[in-house]
Amino acid sequence: MSDFPAINALLFGLRDCLVDSTTVQLTPGALQTLDGLKQQQIPCAWIDELTEADALQLSSPLPSWLKAQHQAPAPWPAPDACWHALMTLKAHTLDGCVLVSGDPRLLQSGLNAGLWTIGVASCNSRCRADSLQWQALSIQEQERERGKATLQLFALGVHSVIGHLEALNDCLNDITQRRIKGEKP
């Protein structure tokens, strides 16, 4: 089992997955997640559909080693942006490549590209912990909204859903176990 590759490359949605698009600050757990992946030497990139100026502004809080893919030859949900990002990372195979996002169009692009996909429920604008809408909800209403976001992501066909980036490591371990059993995306 030790020679079985865990994860070959990770792609992240930029907006509201790694960086809060309203405050231009890292989302909770983003830096710790990226640091852990760097220590494991897992190639990573962020991906989004942005102009160069918007991409520079939104990606400013991210570590400089993180690769970027902000322009694609075809709009999402075409798989081109995912494939280009993986080529930038020098991924030699799609096997073991994962896309993490809360954006339905980007997740569909990842599915179309043949990647493992992980939806992040907290990327849903109503589920962001710092939003005034979210803070105004009762605990029961927050759970209901998080449940709706999770169901919407699973309805897209994603392979896993996490509530926030802090749960990514466990999810990646689950995908590794699924791959060991022969499951494909």
Protein backbone atom coordinates (compact mmCIF):
# COMPACT_ATOMS: atom_id res chain seq x y z
CA MET A 1 0.00 0.00 0.00
CA SER A 2 2.95 2.36 0.56
CA ASP A 3 3.66 2.50 -3.18
CA PHE A 4 0.08 3.55 -3.95
CA PRO A 5 0.10 7.28 -4.69
CA ALA A 6 -2.15 9.24 -2.39
CA ILE A 7 -3.07 12.46 -4.15
CA ASN A 8 -1.23 13.61 -7.29
CA ALA A 9 -2.44 17.22 -7.51
CA LEU A 10 -5.04 19.50 -5.98
CA LEU A 11 -6.94 22.32 -7.65
CA PHE A 12 -8.86 24.84 -5.56
CA GLY A 13 -11.52 27.35 -6.47
CA LEU A 14 -10.17 30.80 -5.61
CA ARG A 15 -13.30 32.81 -4.85
CA ASP A 16 -14.92 31.92 -1.52
CA CYS A 17 -13.01 28.65 -1.26
CA LEU A 18 -9.48 29.92 -0.58
CA VAL A 19 -10.18 33.65 -0.45
CA ASP A 20 -13.31 35.46 0.72
CA SER A 21 -14.29 37.53 -2.31
CA THR A 22 -15.86 40.31 -0.24
CA THR A 23 -13.03 40.87 2.27
CA VAL A 24 -10.12 39.56 0.14
CA GLN A 25 -8.90 37.56 3.13
CA LEU A 26 -8.07 33.88 3.35
CA THR A 27 -11.01 31.69 4.31
CA PRO A 28 -10.79 29.84 7.64
CA GLY A 29 -8.34 26.96 7.38
CA ALA A 30 -7.02 27.91 3.93
CA LEU A 31 -3.46 28.75 4.97
CA GLN A 32 -3.13 25.72 7.26
CA THR A 33 -4.49 23.47 4.50
CA LEU A 34 -2.10 24.86 1.89
CA ASP A 35 0.87 24.66 4.27
CA GLY A 36 0.07 21.01 5.02
CA LEU A 37 -0.19 20.17 1.33
CA LYS A 38 3.12 21.91 0.63
CA GLN A 39 4.80 19.91 3.41
CA GLN A 40 3.45 16.72 1.79
CA GLN A 41 4.79 17.97 -1.56
CA ILE A 42 1.38 17.75 -3.22
CA PRO A 43 1.27 20.16 -6.18
CA CYS A 44 -1.53 22.71 -5.84
CA ALA A 45 -3.06 25.50 -7.89
CA TRP A 46 -6.04 27.77 -7.64
CA ILE A 47 -8.42 28.08 -10.54
CA ASP A 48 -11.00 30.72 -11.41
CA GLU A 49 -12.47 32.72 -14.29
CA LEU A 50 -11.11 36.21 -13.69
CA THR A 51 -9.43 39.07 -15.46
CA GLU A 52 -5.74 39.41 -14.67
CA ALA A 53 -6.37 42.47 -12.47
CA ASP A 54 -9.09 40.72 -10.45
CA ALA A 55 -6.95 37.59 -10.16
CA LEU A 56 -4.01 39.60 -8.80
CA GLN A 57 -6.19 41.36 -6.25
CA LEU A 58 -8.05 38.27 -5.01
CA SER A 59 -4.98 36.04 -4.90
CA SER A 60 -2.84 38.58 -3.01
CA PRO A 61 -3.25 36.89 0.42
CA LEU A 62 -2.20 33.48 -0.96
CA PRO A 63 1.34 32.07 -0.66
CA SER A 64 3.52 32.95 -3.65
CA TRP A 65 4.35 29.28 -4.38
CA LEU A 66 0.70 28.48 -5.20
CA LYS A 67 0.19 28.25 -8.97
CA ALA A 68 -2.67 30.06 -10.71
CA GLN A 69 -5.04 29.38 -13.60
CA HIS A 70 -7.36 32.33 -14.13
CA GLN A 71 -7.92 32.29 -17.88
CA ALA A 72 -9.11 29.31 -19.88
CA PRO A 73 -9.64 28.73 -23.58
CA ALA A 74 -13.24 27.70 -22.92
CA PRO A 75 -15.64 28.82 -20.19
CA TRP A 76 -16.75 26.48 -17.42
CA PRO A 77 -18.18 23.86 -17.32
CA ALA A 78 -15.79 22.88 -20.13
CA PRO A 79 -12.90 20.86 -18.65
CA ASP A 80 -10.15 22.91 -20.34
CA ALA A 81 -9.29 25.12 -17.34
CA CYS A 82 -8.79 22.08 -15.11
CA TRP A 83 -6.62 20.35 -17.68
CA HIS A 84 -4.51 23.49 -18.23
CA ALA A 85 -4.02 23.90 -14.48
CA LEU A 86 -2.92 20.27 -14.16
CA MET A 87 -0.48 20.73 -17.05
CA THR A 88 0.93 23.77 -15.23
CA LEU A 89 1.47 21.51 -12.20
CA LYS A 90 3.08 18.89 -14.46
CA ALA A 91 0.57 16.25 -13.42
CA HIS A 92 1.27 13.26 -15.66
CA THR A 93 -2.09 11.56 -15.09
CA LEU A 94 -5.62 12.49 -14.06
CA ASP A 95 -5.60 9.62 -11.59
CA GLY A 96 -5.45 11.03 -8.09
CA CYS A 97 -6.13 14.63 -9.11
CA VAL A 98 -8.74 16.46 -7.03
CA LEU A 99 -10.73 19.68 -7.43
CA VAL A 100 -12.00 21.46 -4.29
CA SER A 101 -14.59 24.22 -4.70
CA GLY A 102 -18.06 25.38 -3.83
CA ASP A 103 -18.76 26.84 -7.27
CA PRO A 104 -21.20 24.56 -9.14
CA ARG A 105 -19.84 25.49 -12.58
CA LEU A 106 -16.24 24.84 -11.56
CA LEU A 107 -17.20 21.55 -9.91
CA GLN A 108 -18.99 20.53 -13.12
CA SER A 109 -15.82 21.44 -15.02
CA GLY A 110 -13.86 19.15 -12.70
CA LEU A 111 -16.35 16.34 -13.21
CA ASN A 112 -16.13 16.85 -16.98
CA ALA A 113 -12.33 16.70 -16.72
CA GLY A 114 -12.45 13.33 -14.95
CA LEU A 115 -11.25 14.61 -11.57
CA TRP A 116 -12.27 13.66 -8.08
CA THR A 117 -14.39 16.56 -6.81
CA ILE A 118 -14.95 17.85 -3.31
CA GLY A 119 -17.67 20.43 -2.72
CA VAL A 120 -17.23 22.94 0.10
CA ALA A 121 -20.61 23.80 1.62
CA SER A 122 -19.30 26.91 3.39
CA CYS A 123 -18.55 28.47 -0.02
CA ASN A 124 -22.30 28.96 -0.43
CA SER A 125 -22.84 32.69 0.17
CA ARG A 126 -25.53 32.05 2.80
CA CYS A 127 -23.28 29.65 4.73
CA ARG A 128 -20.26 31.90 5.20
CA ALA A 129 -19.70 32.34 8.93
CA ASP A 130 -18.77 36.01 8.62
CA SER A 131 -21.84 37.00 6.62
CA LEU A 132 -24.48 39.03 8.41
CA GLN A 133 -27.17 36.79 6.93
CA TRP A 134 -25.54 33.73 8.49
CA GLN A 135 -25.06 35.33 11.89
CA ALA A 136 -28.71 36.37 11.97
CA LEU A 137 -29.84 32.73 11.61
CA SER A 138 -30.57 30.47 14.56
CA ILE A 139 -28.45 27.33 14.99
CA GLN A 140 -31.31 25.26 13.57
CA GLU A 141 -31.60 27.56 10.53
CA GLN A 142 -27.82 27.42 10.01
CA GLU A 143 -27.96 23.60 10.01
CA ARG A 144 -30.82 23.69 7.50
CA GLU A 145 -28.90 26.05 5.17
CA ARG A 146 -25.73 23.95 5.46
CA GLY A 147 -27.82 20.86 4.69
CA LYS A 148 -29.34 22.52 1.61
CA ALA A 149 -25.88 23.52 0.34
CA THR A 150 -24.62 19.97 0.90
CA LEU A 151 -27.55 18.45 -0.98
CA GLN A 152 -27.09 20.88 -3.87
CA LEU A 153 -23.43 19.88 -4.16
CA PHE A 154 -24.21 16.15 -4.07
CA ALA A 155 -26.95 16.72 -6.67
CA LEU A 156 -24.22 18.01 -9.00
CA GLY A 157 -22.51 14.66 -8.71
CA VAL A 158 -19.50 15.62 -6.57
CA HIS A 159 -17.69 12.75 -4.89
CA SER A 160 -17.55 14.27 -1.40
CA VAL A 161 -18.76 17.35 0.46
CA ILE A 162 -17.05 19.05 3.38
CA GLY A 163 -18.35 21.90 5.48
CA HIS A 164 -15.07 23.83 5.49
CA LEU A 165 -11.43 23.46 4.47
CA GLU A 166 -10.37 22.23 7.92
CA ALA A 167 -12.07 18.91 7.03
CA LEU A 168 -10.15 18.47 3.76
CA ASN A 169 -7.42 16.14 5.06
CA ASP A 170 -9.94 13.53 6.25
CA CYS A 171 -11.76 13.79 2.94
CA LEU A 172 -8.53 13.29 0.97
CA ASN A 173 -7.77 10.21 3.09
CA ASP A 174 -11.24 8.88 2.23
CA ILE A 175 -10.63 9.42 -1.49
CA THR A 176 -7.30 7.60 -1.17
CA GLN A 177 -9.08 4.64 0.45
CA ARG A 178 -11.70 4.66 -2.30
CA ARG A 179 -8.94 4.63 -4.94
CA ILE A 180 -7.21 1.71 -3.20
CA LYS A 181 -10.48 -0.22 -3.51
CA GLY A 182 -10.45 0.52 -7.26
CA GLU A 183 -13.05 3.28 -7.34
CA LYS A 184 -12.70 5.85 -10.13
CA PRO A 185 -14.10 9.37 -10.28
